[in-house]
């Protein structure tokens, strides 16, 4: 019987249905002859053999000792290509590139500020601004510039801080470039710093020859020496930090000395912060006088902006002078002048907005309160010393049930050592903040570094020890 082809599944196409029907009608039967044989089948029962298959199950006991004695076969893995050693830059090349980049980044802002200030004289021009900016940049390194009115040696400390910071970054970058990072090697840190200092000294001597001329006399030998010392100090701080040699040194120092140095740095920063706050407050109170000084130049907006930026560059100097004022020695603004809490003697001064905050006379009862600021700074530094020692003691004895008591020699010794450290730092700051502004009456400007250092040592050493002892006595140990 002919079979009808199945209709395509889910097909609604009429042409497909008709084609399937036509195929069904066109089929014809085909006779196929197949030989057949009779199969004799008995009527008896059919016997079937049943074969039982016995499955044997074994229980395996895992013995750790047996497994441990078995040999370990290491399967072959895909071979990795050998790692190429990291390329390291030669020290002279890295030092030269980093030094030039640091010098450029610290010079460009100076050229921009000096270019704005030169509009006061109506003398513009890119070449003149670049030359004057180069002279001002060298002044930031402490290089004295000879002019028609005498030697200019009052370095703007804000610019000096920028220069030292860029050299610090240069030392850190060169340390990474030569592969000395986190090696703990002091010798490699010294080699990096020496290479940068030597390159910086060579650059300073070349630029001194460029600046030297009529109206701006510069000694190349002095410039080379100043650049070498500043380059060595700034880059050494960065290279020691990059190689972690500074941490190695700190770990080898005795406990009182290590904590005393840190506390002295904190105390000195507190005193400088107090000086900066007093300077800002005094200028804010004399804001009208500062505005009159700026308008007295009768220049445009660019010139006034330049004068303001120059005053800001000497703002750090003013903070150091204010710190000396708070400590007691005071500072000088010319030959025969003195500005201290108990005496104010000054003559004619240049019209700079920074000088608008000078006191008009001796301070009365308010002066006594101002003298307490350095004492409070030392007390705060000593208090922080005890808190830090307590925290380190808890971290060292976390497993102990009873917290350790701080030893009095450690507390008092660290506080007393903080005094000389702070005195040295403030004395150096006083030394770098002063300088001449000509050969006449303005040849002596700034505080006496020896007086500032000695008074800071006494005041901050005693107050830091008292603050640490007070924190040691009044703190409540936790059970």
Protein backbone atom coordinates (compact mmCIF):
# COMPACT_ATOMS: atom_id res chain seq x y z
CA UNK A 1 0.00 0.00 0.00
CA UNK A 2 1.42 3.25 -0.97
CA UNK A 3 2.36 5.47 1.88
CA UNK A 4 1.59 9.12 1.97
CA UNK A 5 4.56 11.30 2.65
CA UNK A 6 4.31 13.11 5.85
CA UNK A 7 3.23 16.67 5.73
CA UNK A 8 5.98 19.01 6.61
CA UNK A 9 5.84 19.82 10.29
CA UNK A 10 4.02 23.02 11.08
CA UNK A 11 3.90 23.90 7.41
CA UNK A 12 1.09 26.08 6.18
CA UNK A 13 2.53 26.42 2.71
CA UNK A 14 -0.12 25.14 0.18
CA UNK A 15 2.51 24.41 -2.43
CA UNK A 16 4.30 22.08 -0.07
CA UNK A 17 1.05 20.24 0.78
CA UNK A 18 0.11 19.83 -2.89
CA UNK A 19 3.53 18.51 -3.79
CA UNK A 20 3.35 15.94 -1.01
CA UNK A 21 -0.10 14.77 -2.21
CA UNK A 22 1.09 14.43 -5.81
CA UNK A 23 4.01 12.30 -4.73
CA UNK A 24 1.58 10.01 -2.88
CA UNK A 25 -0.55 9.44 -6.01
CA UNK A 26 2.41 8.76 -8.25
CA UNK A 27 3.83 5.84 -6.27
CA UNK A 28 3.53 2.25 -7.62
CA UNK A 29 3.97 -1.07 -5.77
CA UNK A 30 7.07 -3.10 -6.58
CA UNK A 31 7.07 -6.87 -6.09
CA UNK A 32 10.06 -8.16 -4.32
CA UNK A 33 10.64 -11.90 -4.05
CA UNK A 34 12.04 -13.14 -0.79
CA UNK A 35 12.83 -16.80 0.01
CA UNK A 36 11.01 -18.12 3.02
CA UNK A 37 11.79 -21.10 5.22
CA UNK A 38 9.62 -22.85 7.68
CA UNK A 39 10.79 -22.80 11.22
CA UNK A 40 9.93 -25.81 13.28
CA UNK A 41 8.95 -24.79 16.71
CA UNK A 42 8.39 -27.36 19.37
CA UNK A 43 5.58 -27.22 21.79
CA UNK A 44 7.73 -28.06 24.76
CA UNK A 45 9.10 -25.55 27.19
CA UNK A 46 12.15 -23.57 26.29
CA UNK A 47 15.05 -23.97 28.63
CA UNK A 48 17.23 -21.02 29.32
CA UNK A 49 20.49 -21.16 31.22
CA UNK A 50 20.98 -18.60 33.93
CA UNK A 51 24.54 -17.59 34.65
CA UNK A 52 25.25 -16.01 37.97
CA UNK A 53 28.05 -13.48 37.78
CA UNK A 54 29.75 -13.00 41.04
CA UNK A 55 31.07 -9.50 41.43
CA UNK A 56 33.90 -9.18 43.82
CA UNK A 57 34.12 -5.77 45.60
CA UNK A 58 37.32 -4.83 47.33
CA UNK A 59 37.66 -2.27 50.11
CA UNK A 60 40.82 -0.16 49.83
CA UNK A 61 42.22 1.37 52.99
CA UNK A 62 44.17 4.61 52.45
CA UNK A 63 47.22 4.79 54.59
CA UNK A 64 48.93 8.17 54.90
CA UNK A 65 52.27 6.52 55.52
CA UNK A 66 52.00 4.43 52.37
CA UNK A 67 50.99 7.45 50.34
CA UNK A 68 53.85 9.41 51.79
CA UNK A 69 56.39 6.78 50.72
CA UNK A 70 55.24 6.77 47.14
CA UNK A 71 57.40 8.43 44.57
CA UNK A 72 56.25 11.78 43.26
CA UNK A 73 56.31 12.06 39.52
CA UNK A 74 56.54 15.56 38.13
CA UNK A 75 54.61 15.99 34.94
CA UNK A 76 56.21 18.03 32.21
CA UNK A 77 54.80 21.53 31.87
CA UNK A 78 55.01 24.12 29.20
CA UNK A 79 58.31 25.89 29.26
CA UNK A 80 58.19 29.59 29.88
CA UNK A 81 60.46 31.90 27.99
CA UNK A 82 63.31 33.17 30.13
CA UNK A 83 62.60 36.55 31.69
CA UNK A 84 64.71 39.33 30.37
CA UNK A 85 66.54 41.39 32.96
CA UNK A 86 65.03 44.81 33.51
CA UNK A 87 66.91 47.51 31.69
CA UNK A 88 68.56 50.01 33.99
CA UNK A 89 69.61 53.46 32.97
CA UNK A 90 73.26 54.47 33.45
CA UNK A 91 73.72 56.67 36.48
CA UNK A 92 75.23 59.67 34.59
CA UNK A 93 72.40 59.68 32.04
CA UNK A 94 69.65 59.35 34.65
CA UNK A 95 71.22 62.00 36.89
CA UNK A 96 71.65 64.47 34.02
CA UNK A 97 68.08 64.08 32.79
CA UNK A 98 66.50 64.28 36.27
CA UNK A 99 68.63 67.27 37.27
CA UNK A 100 67.81 69.27 34.15
CA UNK A 101 64.12 68.49 34.54
CA UNK A 102 64.14 69.57 38.20
CA UNK A 103 65.92 72.81 37.32
CA UNK A 104 63.44 73.59 34.54
CA UNK A 105 60.38 72.99 36.73
CA UNK A 106 61.72 75.30 39.44
CA UNK A 107 62.84 78.01 37.00
CA UNK A 108 59.69 78.47 34.91
CA UNK A 109 57.52 79.85 37.78
CA UNK A 110 60.25 82.33 38.69
CA UNK A 111 60.49 83.61 35.12
CA UNK A 112 56.72 84.06 35.01
CA UNK A 113 56.61 86.00 38.31
CA UNK A 114 59.58 88.19 37.41
CA UNK A 115 58.05 88.82 34.00
CA UNK A 116 54.92 90.14 35.68
CA UNK A 117 56.93 92.26 38.10
CA UNK A 118 58.97 93.80 35.26
CA UNK A 119 55.84 95.50 33.94
CA UNK A 120 56.37 98.01 36.76
CA UNK A 121 59.26 99.47 34.81
CA UNK A 122 57.50 99.12 31.48
CA UNK A 123 60.30 96.90 30.20
CA UNK A 124 58.76 93.80 28.73
CA UNK A 125 60.22 91.28 26.34
CA UNK A 126 60.75 87.57 26.64
CA UNK A 127 64.55 87.76 26.69
CA UNK A 128 64.60 90.32 29.48
CA UNK A 129 62.11 88.32 31.56
CA UNK A 130 64.13 85.13 31.03
CA UNK A 131 67.37 86.84 32.09
CA UNK A 132 65.82 88.48 35.15
CA UNK A 133 64.06 85.26 36.07
CA UNK A 134 67.36 83.39 35.86
CA UNK A 135 68.95 85.89 38.24
CA UNK A 136 66.03 85.54 40.66
CA UNK A 137 66.24 81.74 40.39
CA UNK A 138 69.90 81.83 41.33
CA UNK A 139 69.02 84.12 44.23
CA UNK A 140 66.78 81.30 45.49
CA UNK A 141 69.94 79.18 45.76
CA UNK A 142 71.56 81.75 48.03
CA UNK A 143 73.80 83.13 45.28
CA UNK A 144 74.42 86.84 45.85
CA UNK A 145 73.60 89.10 42.87
CA UNK A 146 75.64 92.28 42.49
CA UNK A 147 73.55 95.27 41.41
CA UNK A 148 73.90 99.04 41.24
CA UNK A 149 72.61 99.41 44.82
CA UNK A 150 74.83 96.68 46.21
CA UNK A 151 74.67 92.96 46.76
CA UNK A 152 71.26 91.24 46.82
CA UNK A 153 71.50 88.15 49.00
CA UNK A 154 68.04 87.83 50.60
CA UNK A 155 66.84 84.49 49.23
CA UNK A 156 63.08 83.90 48.95
CA UNK A 157 62.64 80.76 51.03
CA UNK A 158 59.46 79.72 49.25
CA UNK A 159 61.47 79.43 46.04
CA UNK A 160 64.25 77.63 47.92
CA UNK A 161 61.72 75.11 49.22
CA UNK A 162 60.47 74.51 45.69
CA UNK A 163 64.05 73.93 44.48
CA UNK A 164 64.84 71.48 47.29
CA UNK A 165 61.58 69.62 46.70
CA UNK A 166 62.30 69.16 43.00
CA UNK A 167 65.82 67.93 43.79
CA UNK A 168 64.32 65.55 46.32
CA UNK A 169 62.08 64.12 43.60
CA UNK A 170 65.05 63.91 41.26
CA UNK A 171 66.97 61.80 43.79
CA UNK A 172 63.99 59.49 44.16
CA UNK A 173 63.52 59.09 40.40
CA UNK A 174 67.20 58.38 39.75
CA UNK A 175 67.20 55.78 42.51
CA UNK A 176 64.39 53.96 40.76
CA UNK A 177 65.98 54.34 37.33
CA UNK A 178 69.28 52.72 38.34
CA UNK A 179 67.56 49.84 40.16
CA UNK A 180 68.52 50.84 43.71
CA UNK A 181 64.99 51.16 45.06
CA UNK A 182 64.42 49.49 48.46
CA UNK A 183 67.88 48.00 48.56
CA UNK A 184 68.76 49.58 51.90
CA UNK A 185 72.17 50.53 50.50
CA UNK A 186 73.62 53.75 51.84
CA UNK A 187 76.49 53.72 49.35
CA UNK A 188 74.13 53.64 46.36
CA UNK A 189 72.10 56.49 47.84
CA UNK A 190 75.27 58.54 48.27
CA UNK A 191 76.39 57.79 44.71
CA UNK A 192 73.03 58.97 43.33
CA UNK A 193 73.13 62.16 45.41
CA UNK A 194 76.72 62.90 44.44
CA UNK A 195 75.97 62.44 40.73
CA UNK A 196 73.01 64.83 40.93
CA UNK A 197 74.95 67.37 42.99
CA UNK A 198 77.88 67.31 40.56
CA UNK A 199 75.56 67.80 37.59
CA UNK A 200 73.71 70.59 39.38
CA UNK A 201 76.97 72.31 40.27
CA UNK A 202 78.09 72.24 36.65
CA UNK A 203 74.74 73.67 35.58
CA UNK A 204 74.98 76.44 38.18
CA UNK A 205 78.44 77.51 37.06
CA UNK A 206 77.34 77.66 33.41
CA UNK A 207 74.23 79.68 34.22
CA UNK A 208 76.30 82.04 36.40
CA UNK A 209 78.40 82.88 33.37
CA UNK A 210 75.20 83.55 31.40
CA UNK A 211 73.72 85.84 34.07
CA UNK A 212 76.95 87.67 34.84
CA UNK A 213 76.98 91.04 33.16
CA UNK A 214 76.20 94.68 33.63
CA UNK A 215 73.72 95.13 36.46
CA UNK A 216 73.79 91.45 37.53
CA UNK A 217 77.23 90.39 38.69
CA UNK A 218 77.50 86.74 39.72
CA UNK A 219 80.55 84.78 40.80
CA UNK A 220 80.70 81.42 39.03
CA UNK A 221 82.68 79.74 41.82
CA UNK A 222 80.19 80.76 44.50
CA UNK A 223 77.32 79.62 42.33
CA UNK A 224 78.95 76.24 41.72
CA UNK A 225 79.48 75.71 45.47
CA UNK A 226 75.93 76.73 46.43
CA UNK A 227 74.40 74.58 43.72
CA UNK A 228 76.51 71.59 44.79
CA UNK A 229 75.51 71.87 48.46
CA UNK A 230 71.81 72.39 47.73
CA UNK A 231 71.82 69.62 45.14
CA UNK A 232 73.53 67.23 47.54
CA UNK A 233 71.15 67.99 50.43
CA UNK A 234 67.98 67.82 48.37
CA UNK A 235 68.82 64.73 46.32
CA UNK A 236 70.28 62.87 49.31
CA UNK A 237 66.96 63.12 51.12
CA UNK A 238 65.21 61.58 48.11
CA UNK A 239 67.79 58.85 47.48
CA UNK A 240 67.88 57.80 51.14
CA UNK A 241 64.11 57.55 51.11
CA UNK A 242 64.11 55.64 47.83
CA UNK A 243 66.63 53.03 48.95
CA UNK A 244 65.05 52.77 52.44
CA UNK A 245 68.47 53.50 53.91
CA UNK A 246 66.84 56.16 56.09
CA UNK A 247 64.68 53.49 57.73
CA UNK A 248 67.75 51.33 58.28
CA UNK A 249 69.55 54.19 59.98
CA UNK A 250 66.53 54.98 62.15
CA UNK A 251 66.29 51.37 63.27
CA UNK A 252 69.92 51.37 64.42
CA UNK A 253 69.58 54.49 66.58
CA UNK A 254 68.84 54.19 70.31
CA UNK A 255 65.22 54.69 71.30
CA UNK A 256 65.59 58.04 73.10
CA UNK A 257 67.65 59.51 70.28
CA UNK A 258 65.26 58.33 67.58
CA UNK A 259 62.16 59.62 69.36
CA UNK A 260 63.93 62.80 70.41
CA UNK A 261 64.87 63.69 66.84
CA UNK A 262 61.30 63.17 65.67
CA UNK A 263 59.90 65.22 68.55
CA UNK A 264 62.38 68.03 67.87
CA UNK A 265 61.33 68.23 64.24
CA UNK A 266 57.67 68.37 65.27
CA UNK A 267 58.37 71.09 67.86
CA UNK A 268 60.25 73.21 65.31
CA UNK A 269 57.39 72.85 62.82
CA UNK A 270 54.90 73.89 65.50
CA UNK A 271 56.90 77.05 66.23
CA UNK A 272 57.14 77.90 62.52
CA UNK A 273 53.41 77.29 62.15
CA UNK A 274 52.77 79.68 65.02
CA UNK A 275 54.99 82.26 63.31
CA UNK A 276 53.10 81.83 60.05
CA UNK A 277 49.78 82.29 61.85
CA UNK A 278 51.00 85.46 63.57
CA UNK A 279 52.33 86.81 60.26
CA UNK A 280 49.08 86.15 58.44
CA UNK A 281 47.01 87.68 61.22
CA UNK A 282 49.16 90.83 61.37
CA UNK A 283 48.99 91.33 57.59
CA UNK A 284 45.23 90.79 57.67
CA UNK A 285 44.87 93.42 60.38
CA UNK A 286 47.01 95.80 58.32
CA UNK A 287 45.26 94.99 55.06
CA UNK A 288 44.49 98.62 54.32
CA UNK A 289 48.13 99.59 54.56
CA UNK A 290 49.11 96.67 52.33
CA UNK A 291 46.59 97.75 49.72
CA UNK A 292 47.98 101.30 49.81
CA UNK A 293 51.49 99.93 49.25
CA UNK A 294 50.39 97.99 46.18
CA UNK A 295 48.47 100.91 44.70
CA UNK A 296 51.45 103.22 45.27
CA UNK A 297 53.26 101.58 42.37
CA UNK A 298 50.64 102.95 39.93
CA UNK A 299 50.87 100.03 37.57
CA UNK A 300 48.45 97.68 35.91
CA UNK A 301 46.95 94.47 37.12
CA UNK A 302 49.92 92.42 35.89
CA UNK A 303 52.43 94.54 37.79
CA UNK A 304 50.39 94.43 40.99
CA UNK A 305 50.07 90.65 40.65
CA UNK A 306 53.85 90.41 40.26
CA UNK A 307 54.48 92.45 43.41
CA UNK A 308 51.98 90.30 45.33
CA UNK A 309 53.66 87.09 44.18
CA UNK A 310 57.10 88.42 45.13
CA UNK A 311 55.75 89.20 48.61
CA UNK A 312 54.35 85.67 48.85
CA UNK A 313 57.75 84.26 47.87
CA UNK A 314 59.20 86.02 50.91
CA UNK A 315 56.28 84.92 53.10
CA UNK A 316 58.27 81.96 54.47
CA UNK A 317 61.01 84.40 55.47
CA UNK A 318 58.40 86.39 57.34
CA UNK A 319 57.24 83.24 59.15
CA UNK A 320 60.78 82.54 60.33
CA UNK A 321 61.18 86.14 61.47
CA UNK A 322 57.89 85.89 63.36
CA UNK A 323 59.09 82.67 65.03
CA UNK A 324 62.23 84.51 66.17
CA UNK A 325 59.95 87.31 67.38
CA UNK A 326 57.93 84.82 69.46
CA UNK A 327 61.04 83.20 70.92
CA UNK A 328 62.38 86.55 72.08
CA UNK A 329 65.49 87.52 70.03
CA UNK A 330 63.48 89.23 67.29
CA UNK A 331 64.93 90.25 63.93
CA UNK A 332 66.57 93.19 62.20
CA UNK A 333 65.31 95.20 59.23
CA UNK A 334 68.43 97.19 58.57
CA UNK A 335 71.63 98.18 60.28
CA UNK A 336 70.93 99.35 63.85
CA UNK A 337 67.28 98.26 63.81
CA UNK A 338 65.57 95.63 65.94
CA UNK A 339 62.03 94.26 66.13
CA UNK A 340 61.24 92.29 69.27
CA UNK A 341 58.45 92.07 71.82
CA UNK A 342 60.00 94.64 74.12
CA UNK A 343 61.53 96.98 71.53
CA UNK A 344 60.78 98.14 68.00
CA UNK A 345 63.37 100.34 66.27
CA UNK A 346 63.21 100.61 62.49
CA UNK A 347 64.00 103.21 59.87
CA UNK A 348 62.65 103.77 56.36
CA UNK A 349 61.53 100.48 54.82
CA UNK A 350 60.78 99.41 51.24
CA UNK A 351 57.13 99.51 50.24
CA UNK A 352 56.31 95.81 50.26
CA UNK A 353 52.93 94.40 51.35
CA UNK A 354 54.72 91.86 53.53
CA UNK A 355 55.99 94.65 55.79
CA UNK A 356 52.49 95.96 56.43
CA UNK A 357 52.13 93.69 59.47
CA UNK A 358 55.08 95.06 61.45
CA UNK A 359 54.23 96.08 65.02
CA UNK A 360 54.18 99.79 65.72
CA UNK A 361 55.81 99.46 69.14
CA UNK A 362 56.53 97.16 72.08
CA UNK A 363 53.80 94.73 73.05
CA UNK A 364 52.24 94.96 76.50
CA UNK A 365 50.20 92.19 78.07
CA UNK A 366 49.61 90.68 74.65
CA UNK A 367 53.35 90.15 74.34
CA UNK A 368 53.30 87.88 77.37
CA UNK A 369 50.65 85.76 75.71
CA UNK A 370 52.70 85.59 72.52
CA UNK A 371 55.71 84.35 74.48
CA UNK A 372 53.59 81.41 75.62
CA UNK A 373 53.15 80.13 72.05
CA UNK A 374 56.59 78.45 71.80
CA UNK A 375 56.05 76.91 75.24
CA UNK A 376 52.70 75.51 74.10
CA UNK A 377 54.36 74.17 70.96
CA UNK A 378 56.92 72.28 73.06
CA UNK A 379 54.24 70.95 75.41
CA UNK A 380 52.20 69.69 72.47
CA UNK A 381 55.22 67.99 70.92
CA UNK A 382 56.04 66.29 74.23
CA UNK A 383 52.46 65.15 74.69
CA UNK A 384 52.47 63.61 71.21
CA UNK A 385 55.75 61.90 72.10
CA UNK A 386 54.14 60.07 75.02
CA UNK A 387 51.11 59.11 72.96
CA UNK A 388 53.36 57.67 70.27
CA UNK A 389 55.43 55.73 72.81
CA UNK A 390 52.24 54.37 74.38
CA UNK A 391 50.91 53.22 71.04
CA UNK A 392 54.18 51.51 70.14
CA UNK A 393 54.25 49.81 73.53
CA UNK A 394 50.75 48.44 73.02
CA UNK A 395 51.65 47.15 69.57
CA UNK A 396 54.77 45.47 70.96
CA UNK A 397 52.92 43.79 73.86
CA UNK A 398 49.55 42.89 72.37
CA UNK A 399 49.68 39.34 73.83
CA UNK A 400 50.38 40.56 77.34
CA UNK A 401 47.49 40.88 79.75
CA UNK A 402 48.89 43.97 81.44
CA UNK A 403 50.13 46.92 79.35
CA UNK A 404 53.70 48.00 79.75
CA UNK A 405 54.51 51.12 81.68
CA UNK A 406 56.65 53.68 79.92
CA UNK A 407 60.10 54.07 81.38
CA UNK A 408 60.83 57.53 82.73
CA UNK A 409 64.34 57.71 81.22
CA UNK A 410 62.86 57.09 77.77
CA UNK A 411 60.18 59.76 78.19
CA UNK A 412 62.35 62.47 79.73
CA UNK A 413 65.41 61.66 77.63
CA UNK A 414 63.48 61.91 74.38
CA UNK A 415 61.91 65.21 75.47
CA UNK A 416 65.24 66.76 76.41
CA UNK A 417 66.92 65.62 73.19
CA UNK A 418 64.12 67.32 71.25
CA UNK A 419 65.39 70.72 72.43
CA UNK A 420 68.78 70.71 70.66
CA UNK A 421 67.24 69.23 67.51
CA UNK A 422 64.62 71.96 67.34
CA UNK A 423 67.25 74.59 68.14
CA UNK A 424 69.48 73.47 65.28
CA UNK A 425 66.59 73.47 62.81
CA UNK A 426 65.31 76.90 63.82
CA UNK A 427 68.84 78.30 63.87
CA UNK A 428 69.41 77.11 60.31
CA UNK A 429 66.08 78.55 59.25
CA UNK A 430 67.04 81.90 60.78
CA UNK A 431 70.39 81.82 58.96
CA UNK A 432 68.84 81.09 55.56
CA UNK A 433 66.01 83.60 56.00
CA UNK A 434 68.32 86.63 56.25
CA UNK A 435 70.58 88.43 53.84
CA UNK A 436 71.48 91.85 52.47
CA UNK A 437 69.37 94.07 50.25
CA UNK A 438 72.16 96.43 49.24
CA UNK A 439 75.29 97.87 50.74
CA UNK A 440 73.70 100.71 52.66
CA UNK A 441 71.41 100.54 55.66
CA UNK A 442 69.55 97.43 54.38
CA UNK A 443 72.69 95.31 54.46
CA UNK A 444 71.55 93.52 57.65
CA UNK A 445 68.17 91.82 57.50
CA UNK A 446 66.91 88.85 59.49
CA UNK A 447 67.32 87.31 62.95
CA UNK A 448 70.51 86.25 64.70
CA UNK A 449 70.73 82.45 64.17
CA UNK A 450 72.78 81.83 67.31
CA UNK A 451 70.35 83.57 69.61
CA UNK A 452 67.38 81.84 67.99
CA UNK A 453 69.03 78.41 68.22
CA UNK A 454 70.07 78.74 71.86
CA UNK A 455 66.72 80.07 73.09
CA UNK A 456 64.82 77.47 71.08
CA UNK A 457 66.97 74.71 72.59
CA UNK A 458 66.23 75.84 76.14
CA UNK A 459 62.53 76.64 75.73
CA UNK A 460 61.52 73.69 73.58
CA UNK A 461 63.70 71.15 75.40
CA UNK A 462 62.23 71.92 78.81
CA UNK A 463 58.66 72.30 77.58
CA UNK A 464 58.80 69.08 75.54
CA UNK A 465 60.09 67.15 78.57
CA UNK A 466 57.35 68.63 80.76
CA UNK A 467 54.67 67.82 78.21
CA UNK A 468 55.88 64.23 77.88
CA UNK A 469 56.04 63.81 81.66
CA UNK A 470 52.55 65.26 82.10
CA UNK A 471 51.14 62.88 79.52
CA UNK A 472 52.96 59.99 81.23
CA UNK A 473 51.46 60.86 84.62
CA UNK A 474 47.88 61.69 83.64
CA UNK A 475 47.25 59.07 81.03
CA UNK A 476 44.97 56.23 82.14
CA UNK A 477 46.27 52.76 81.23
CA UNK A 478 43.65 50.41 79.84
CA UNK A 479 43.37 47.02 81.46
